[in-house]
Amino acid sequence: MSKTKSAGTTKLGRDSKPKYLGVKVFDGQTVKPGMVIVKQRGTKFIAGKNVGRGGDDTLYALKSGVVKFVTKRKKRFDRTLKKVKVVNVETQR
């Protein structure tokens, strides 16, 4: 009979693939329609002018222009104020 124990298997040790979230286009950079600006879970950034929001909360450009990040104060349902980050795309005229 063997004196050493077998190695066995474990349910631990597997790692999930990275999701590659975050800001893809920064303030002052130009975008074309359909380009992804922010990949996020939830609404850390809110869509502003000329910015659309996908089903997985991804923000993308609706028109070509320059990306601008703005901090605003938004009123909640209980009338308290919350600082939010808004992403806008300013079109060139």
Protein backbone atom coordinates (compact mmCIF):
# COMPACT_ATOMS: atom_id res chain seq x y z
CA MET A 1 0.00 0.00 0.00
CA SER A 2 1.21 3.47 -0.86
CA LYS A 3 2.34 5.73 1.95
CA THR A 4 1.87 9.01 0.01
CA LYS A 5 -1.57 10.46 -0.55
CA SER A 6 -2.79 11.04 -4.10
CA ALA A 7 -2.75 14.55 -5.56
CA GLY A 8 -6.51 14.62 -6.18
CA THR A 9 -8.46 17.42 -7.78
CA THR A 10 -9.79 20.70 -6.47
CA LYS A 11 -12.68 22.93 -7.42
CA LEU A 12 -10.51 25.98 -6.79
CA GLY A 13 -7.69 27.32 -8.93
CA ARG A 14 -9.63 28.32 -12.04
CA ASP A 15 -9.72 31.99 -12.94
CA SER A 16 -12.27 33.86 -15.04
CA LYS A 17 -11.27 35.68 -18.20
CA PRO A 18 -10.69 39.44 -17.88
CA LYS A 19 -13.63 41.62 -18.94
CA TYR A 20 -11.58 44.59 -20.23
CA LEU A 21 -13.80 47.26 -18.64
CA GLY A 22 -12.98 50.95 -18.30
CA VAL A 23 -12.66 54.16 -20.29
CA LYS A 24 -11.62 53.48 -23.90
CA VAL A 25 -11.63 57.07 -25.25
CA PHE A 26 -10.51 59.91 -22.99
CA ASP A 27 -11.39 63.61 -22.71
CA GLY A 28 -10.42 65.64 -25.79
CA GLN A 29 -10.10 62.68 -28.16
CA THR A 30 -12.19 62.45 -31.32
CA VAL A 31 -14.73 59.70 -31.96
CA LYS A 32 -16.78 58.42 -34.88
CA PRO A 33 -20.38 57.15 -34.61
CA GLY A 34 -20.55 53.74 -32.95
CA MET A 35 -17.18 53.94 -31.20
CA VAL A 36 -17.15 52.64 -27.62
CA ILE A 37 -16.28 55.34 -25.07
CA VAL A 38 -16.73 53.47 -21.75
CA LYS A 39 -17.26 49.76 -20.96
CA GLN A 40 -18.80 49.47 -17.49
CA ARG A 41 -20.94 47.42 -15.15
CA GLY A 42 -23.76 49.60 -13.87
CA THR A 43 -23.85 53.33 -14.54
CA LYS A 44 -20.63 54.75 -13.11
CA PHE A 45 -20.70 57.15 -16.08
CA ILE A 46 -23.97 58.56 -17.45
CA ALA A 47 -24.70 59.14 -21.14
CA GLY A 48 -24.98 62.82 -22.11
CA LYS A 49 -25.31 64.62 -25.45
CA ASN A 50 -24.74 62.45 -28.54
CA VAL A 51 -23.92 59.40 -26.39
CA GLY A 52 -25.95 56.18 -26.34
CA ARG A 53 -26.13 53.43 -23.71
CA GLY A 54 -26.11 49.74 -24.64
CA GLY A 55 -27.81 46.83 -22.90
CA ASP A 56 -24.68 46.07 -20.87
CA ASP A 57 -24.35 49.79 -19.88
CA THR A 58 -21.62 50.42 -22.49
CA LEU A 59 -21.49 54.07 -23.60
CA TYR A 60 -20.93 54.73 -27.30
CA ALA A 61 -20.88 57.74 -29.62
CA LEU A 62 -23.98 58.56 -31.67
CA LYS A 63 -22.27 61.30 -33.73
CA SER A 64 -18.69 62.16 -34.57
CA GLY A 65 -16.99 64.79 -32.44
CA VAL A 66 -14.82 65.37 -29.36
CA VAL A 67 -15.39 63.54 -26.05
CA LYS A 68 -15.93 65.68 -22.94
CA PHE A 69 -16.27 64.38 -19.37
CA VAL A 70 -18.29 66.62 -17.03
CA THR A 71 -19.17 66.29 -13.34
CA LYS A 72 -22.73 67.34 -12.49
CA ARG A 73 -24.91 67.28 -9.41
CA LYS A 74 -28.05 65.22 -9.96
CA LYS A 75 -31.12 65.30 -7.74
CA ARG A 76 -32.28 61.89 -6.47
CA PHE A 77 -35.86 60.81 -5.71
CA ASP A 78 -35.44 61.71 -2.03
CA ARG A 79 -34.24 65.20 -3.08
CA THR A 80 -30.63 64.62 -2.04
CA LEU A 81 -27.87 65.61 -4.46
CA LYS A 82 -25.36 63.15 -5.92
CA LYS A 83 -22.27 63.93 -8.01
CA VAL A 84 -22.36 62.06 -11.33
CA LYS A 85 -19.91 61.84 -14.22
CA VAL A 86 -21.53 62.62 -17.57
CA VAL A 87 -19.98 61.78 -20.95
CA ASN A 88 -20.78 64.14 -23.85
CA VAL A 89 -19.71 64.19 -27.50
CA GLU A 90 -19.42 67.73 -28.82
CA THR A 91 -19.84 67.91 -32.59
CA GLN A 92 -17.64 70.15 -34.70
CA ARG A 93 -19.48 72.76 -36.75
